[in-house]
Structure formats: C-alpha cells, structure tokens
Protein backbone atom coordinates (compact mmCIF):
# COMPACT_ATOMS: atom_id res chain seq x y z
CA MET A 1 12.67 -0.26 22.20
CA SER A 2 11.06 3.08 21.54
CA THR A 3 7.30 3.33 21.68
CA THR A 4 5.70 3.58 18.25
CA VAL A 5 2.83 6.00 17.61
CA THR A 6 0.86 5.75 14.37
CA LYS A 7 -1.13 8.57 12.80
CA VAL A 8 -3.35 8.81 9.74
CA VAL A 9 -1.81 11.33 7.35
CA THR A 10 -3.65 14.65 7.29
CA PRO A 11 -2.67 17.97 5.71
CA GLU A 12 -0.97 18.99 8.96
CA LEU A 13 1.33 15.96 8.72
CA TRP A 14 2.47 16.56 5.14
CA PRO A 15 5.84 18.00 6.28
CA ASP A 16 6.52 14.79 8.20
CA LEU A 17 5.70 12.60 5.20
CA ALA A 18 7.91 14.74 2.97
CA ALA A 19 10.75 14.57 5.51
CA LEU A 20 10.51 10.77 5.70
CA PHE A 21 10.49 10.33 1.93
CA GLY A 22 13.36 12.77 1.45
CA GLU A 23 14.66 14.12 -1.84
CA ARG A 24 14.26 10.75 -3.57
CA GLY A 25 10.55 10.58 -2.78
CA ALA A 26 11.07 7.33 -0.85
CA SER A 27 12.36 5.47 -3.94
CA SER A 28 12.99 6.58 -7.52
CA GLY A 29 10.90 9.72 -7.15
CA CYS A 30 7.77 7.65 -6.54
CA TRP A 31 6.12 9.56 -3.69
CA CYS A 32 3.77 6.56 -3.46
CA MET A 33 2.05 7.53 -6.71
CA TRP A 34 2.94 4.39 -8.66
CA PHE A 35 -0.42 2.71 -8.05
CA ARG A 36 -2.45 5.91 -8.20
CA VAL A 37 -1.86 7.07 -11.77
CA PRO A 38 -1.40 5.37 -15.18
CA PRO A 39 2.16 4.21 -15.92
CA ARG A 40 2.89 6.85 -18.55
CA GLN A 41 1.68 9.62 -16.29
CA TRP A 42 3.84 8.36 -13.42
CA THR A 43 6.89 8.43 -15.66
CA ALA A 44 6.06 11.83 -17.12
CA ASN A 45 5.48 13.29 -13.66
CA GLY A 46 9.00 12.57 -12.48
CA ASN A 47 10.04 13.26 -8.91
CA ALA A 48 8.65 16.79 -8.73
CA GLY A 49 5.35 15.92 -10.38
CA ASN A 50 4.76 12.89 -8.21
CA ARG A 51 5.54 14.89 -5.09
CA ALA A 52 3.07 17.58 -6.15
CA ALA A 53 0.41 14.97 -6.91
CA MET A 54 0.73 13.35 -3.49
CA GLU A 55 0.72 16.74 -1.79
CA VAL A 56 -2.59 17.52 -3.50
CA ILE A 57 -4.05 14.19 -2.37
CA VAL A 58 -3.10 14.94 1.22
CA ALA A 59 -4.23 18.57 1.04
CA GLU A 60 -7.64 17.50 -0.24
CA GLY A 61 -8.11 15.24 2.78
CA HIS A 62 -8.03 11.84 1.07
CA ARG A 63 -6.02 10.16 3.87
CA PRO A 64 -3.69 8.07 1.66
CA GLY A 65 -1.97 6.22 4.49
CA LEU A 66 -0.38 6.23 7.92
CA LEU A 67 2.87 7.42 9.44
CA ALA A 68 4.71 5.74 12.29
CA TYR A 69 6.62 7.85 14.81
CA ARG A 70 9.32 6.99 17.32
CA GLU A 71 10.66 9.58 19.73
CA GLY A 72 8.61 12.18 17.92
CA ARG A 73 10.03 11.70 14.44
CA PRO A 74 8.54 9.89 11.43
CA VAL A 75 10.13 6.49 10.83
CA GLY A 76 7.69 4.62 8.60
CA TRP A 77 4.84 4.88 6.11
CA MET A 78 2.11 2.53 4.93
CA SER A 79 -0.32 3.30 2.11
CA VAL A 80 -3.81 1.89 2.66
CA ALA A 81 -7.00 3.18 1.04
CA PRO A 82 -10.12 1.99 -0.82
CA ARG A 83 -8.99 -0.05 -3.82
CA PRO A 84 -10.66 2.21 -6.42
CA GLU A 85 -8.10 4.89 -5.52
CA PHE A 86 -5.37 2.72 -7.08
CA ARG A 87 -5.88 3.09 -10.81
CA ARG A 88 -3.08 0.73 -11.82
CA ILE A 89 -5.02 -2.10 -10.17
CA GLU A 90 -8.57 -1.11 -11.05
CA ALA A 91 -8.61 0.60 -14.43
CA ALA A 92 -7.83 -2.25 -16.79
CA ASP A 93 -10.30 -4.84 -15.50
CA GLU A 94 -13.39 -4.26 -17.61
CA GLY A 95 -14.48 -7.90 -17.39
CA ARG A 96 -14.94 -7.82 -13.63
CA ALA A 97 -16.28 -4.30 -13.17
CA GLU A 98 -18.59 -5.22 -10.31
CA GLU A 99 -15.85 -6.88 -8.30
CA ALA A 100 -13.17 -4.40 -9.35
CA GLY A 101 -15.09 -1.47 -7.94
CA ALA A 102 -16.67 -3.39 -5.10
CA GLU A 103 -17.42 -1.19 -2.15
CA GLY A 104 -15.60 -2.03 1.03
CA ILE A 105 -12.35 -3.46 -0.43
CA TRP A 106 -9.27 -1.59 0.77
CA SER A 107 -5.73 -2.19 -0.47
CA VAL A 108 -2.35 -2.08 1.28
CA VAL A 109 0.04 -1.19 -1.53
CA CYS A 110 3.20 0.24 -0.03
CA PHE A 111 5.50 0.37 2.98
CA TYR A 112 8.47 2.66 3.40
CA ILE A 113 10.56 2.25 6.54
CA GLY A 114 13.29 4.74 7.28
CA ALA A 115 16.95 3.75 7.47
CA GLY A 116 17.90 2.42 10.88
CA GLN A 117 14.35 1.30 11.64
CA ARG A 118 13.99 -1.64 9.26
CA GLY A 119 13.47 -4.99 10.94
CA SER A 120 12.40 -3.36 14.21
CA GLY A 121 8.65 -4.02 13.96
CA VAL A 122 7.56 -0.72 12.44
CA ALA A 123 5.83 -2.38 9.48
CA ALA A 124 3.84 -4.73 11.71
CA GLU A 125 2.66 -1.83 13.87
CA LEU A 126 1.68 0.15 10.78
CA LEU A 127 -0.24 -2.82 9.42
CA ALA A 128 -2.16 -3.32 12.65
CA ALA A 129 -3.07 0.37 12.78
CA GLY A 130 -3.93 0.39 9.09
CA ILE A 131 -6.36 -2.49 9.49
CA GLU A 132 -8.19 -0.60 12.22
CA HIS A 133 -8.18 2.56 10.11
CA ALA A 134 -9.74 0.62 7.22
CA ARG A 135 -12.31 -0.93 9.55
CA ARG A 136 -13.34 2.50 10.82
CA GLY A 137 -13.56 3.69 7.23
CA GLY A 138 -16.10 1.01 6.33
CA ALA A 139 -13.82 -1.67 4.89
CA ARG A 140 -15.11 -5.23 4.91
CA ILE A 141 -11.96 -6.65 3.28
CA VAL A 142 -8.34 -5.54 3.37
CA GLU A 143 -6.26 -6.79 0.45
CA ALA A 144 -2.48 -7.07 -0.01
CA TYR A 145 -0.04 -8.05 -2.76
CA PRO A 146 3.15 -9.14 -0.98
CA VAL A 147 6.51 -10.42 -2.12
CA GLU A 148 7.23 -13.97 -1.06
CA ARG A 149 10.78 -13.68 0.13
CA ASP A 150 11.77 -12.13 3.41
CA GLY A 151 14.91 -10.03 3.46
CA ALA A 152 14.33 -8.33 0.10
CA SER A 153 15.56 -4.76 -0.22
CA ASN A 154 13.31 -1.95 0.97
CA ALA A 155 12.68 -0.95 -2.66
CA ASP A 156 11.96 -4.47 -3.93
CA ALA A 157 9.68 -5.36 -1.02
CA PHE A 158 7.65 -2.16 -0.99
CA THR A 159 4.35 -4.07 -0.92
CA GLY A 160 5.49 -5.98 2.17
CA PRO A 161 6.60 -9.59 2.72
CA ARG A 162 4.10 -12.43 2.76
CA SER A 163 5.05 -13.41 6.32
CA LEU A 164 3.99 -9.98 7.61
CA PHE A 165 0.46 -10.45 6.32
CA GLU A 166 0.18 -14.10 7.36
CA LYS A 167 0.96 -13.13 10.95
CA ALA A 168 -1.86 -10.56 10.79
CA GLY A 169 -4.37 -13.19 9.60
CA PHE A 170 -4.36 -12.58 5.84
CA ARG A 171 -4.93 -15.60 3.59
CA GLU A 172 -4.17 -16.08 -0.11
CA THR A 173 -7.15 -15.92 -2.47
CA GLY A 174 -5.40 -16.25 -5.82
CA ARG A 175 -2.46 -15.19 -7.96
CA PHE A 176 -1.80 -12.70 -10.71
CA ASP A 177 0.94 -12.07 -13.22
CA ARG A 178 0.40 -8.32 -13.75
CA TRP A 179 -1.22 -5.60 -11.69
CA ALA A 180 -4.23 -5.26 -13.98
CA ALA A 181 -5.10 -8.89 -13.19
CA VAL A 182 -5.34 -8.37 -9.43
CA PRO A 183 -9.17 -8.35 -9.37
CA HIS A 184 -9.22 -11.74 -11.12
CA ALA A 185 -7.36 -13.15 -8.12
CA SER A 186 -9.87 -11.68 -5.64
CA GLY A 187 -13.23 -12.79 -4.39
CA PRO A 188 -15.14 -16.08 -4.44
CA ASP A 189 -14.23 -17.03 -8.03
CA ALA A 190 -10.54 -16.15 -7.80
CA ARG A 191 -8.39 -17.84 -10.38
CA ARG A 192 -4.78 -18.93 -10.17
CA LEU A 193 -2.10 -18.58 -12.80
CA SER A 194 -1.68 -21.60 -15.02
CA ARG A 195 2.08 -21.20 -14.72
CA PRO A 196 3.05 -20.03 -11.25
CA PRO A 197 4.87 -18.50 -9.59
CA GLY A 198 3.04 -15.22 -9.78
CA ARG A 199 2.38 -12.83 -6.95
CA PRO A 200 -0.33 -13.66 -4.40
CA VAL A 201 -3.38 -11.64 -3.55
CA MET A 202 -4.03 -11.99 0.19
CA ARG A 203 -7.16 -10.91 2.01
CA LEU A 204 -8.29 -10.26 5.55
CA ARG A 205 -12.03 -10.19 6.16
CA LEU A 206 -13.08 -7.75 8.86
C-alpha cells in the first residue's frame, strides 16, 4: 500500500484541492461550502460561486481542512475547523448561544475520497491527522455528525460513517433531527430526539 501523507490546506495547495474536487466540485458543485453558508446562498452560488467562495477561504489563510496524498497526488480531503465557521450548524441556535459559540469546539463535517482510493484507509488517516491539527489549533473537543450505515455512497456518507469515529475514540453525546439542532445534542445537557432515529453527534475530548 502506498504511503499516505497529509497536509493542511494552504493557498499553495489550492490547485491540488481543485484537482481533487474536479469539475463537479466534489459533489453537486458543493466545493465543501454546504455547511459554511446559509442554504439559499449555497443554492444561489452554484458550482462557480461555491468554488470561488472556497478559493477565497483558502487564499485568506483560514485552513479549512486537510488533503491526503499518495504517490505525490491528492487522493482525499477532510474538512475540520472551529465549529463557528460552519454557519448551517451555528446560526440558528439562539437558545444555546453560549454553547453554540463555545471556544475550543471543532467540527469534522466532510470527507471526499477520490475514485479508486475509497475503502483503502485514506479517511482514517485524514481523521487522525485532523485530530492532531485541531489539537494544535487549540481545540478541546472535536465533534462529528456521522451516518450510521457503512457502505453508503461517497455522496451520501460525506460526513463519514459512525464506525470510523468510534475507532478513533469518539462517543455519542446526543441526537438531532436537523442541522440547526446540533448544539442541542452537544455538551453536558445534551438531549435526544423523542422519536429516533436521528443522526448522532459524536465527540472526542482532547
């Protein structure tokens, strides 16, 4: 198996991220902007607008995630950053403002693994590197929102499978039924849905 090298995305690595995502912007013209802007803006942006928005984020030095390389070419991406950067999660939770904007909570919101590399351990290596990146950045908690079935398509499982996070030591803190409710499923007073199944919030304390 080829050795995997992971790198935090910087402006110099933008061409590699763009090459990995390709003309479709990873999936449906997303360019990993789905969590970062309000829903209507994401739709209005389209492929070109979302690409431009992510390019600005990278150019301004915000470090939105990590790339994985094998044999010198990019084969995978993971988005991890402080949770306040993800407006779809944070913006609508006025009732838990203190927790919602709590310093030191980072979120893993997306994986994209290139064709021919899926199932070969790239995601696990990205997650391990991303945890260390978050730790160095001052994170005290890393949070994830996985799907609960392994083997889902790359598009459907973009937040990662539950088993991936369990193996890395993440534990469920609660459940939510829409992205705006994520903060209610976090922290010491996390609440569960009255009618599961929902999607879990999983946390790793550093």
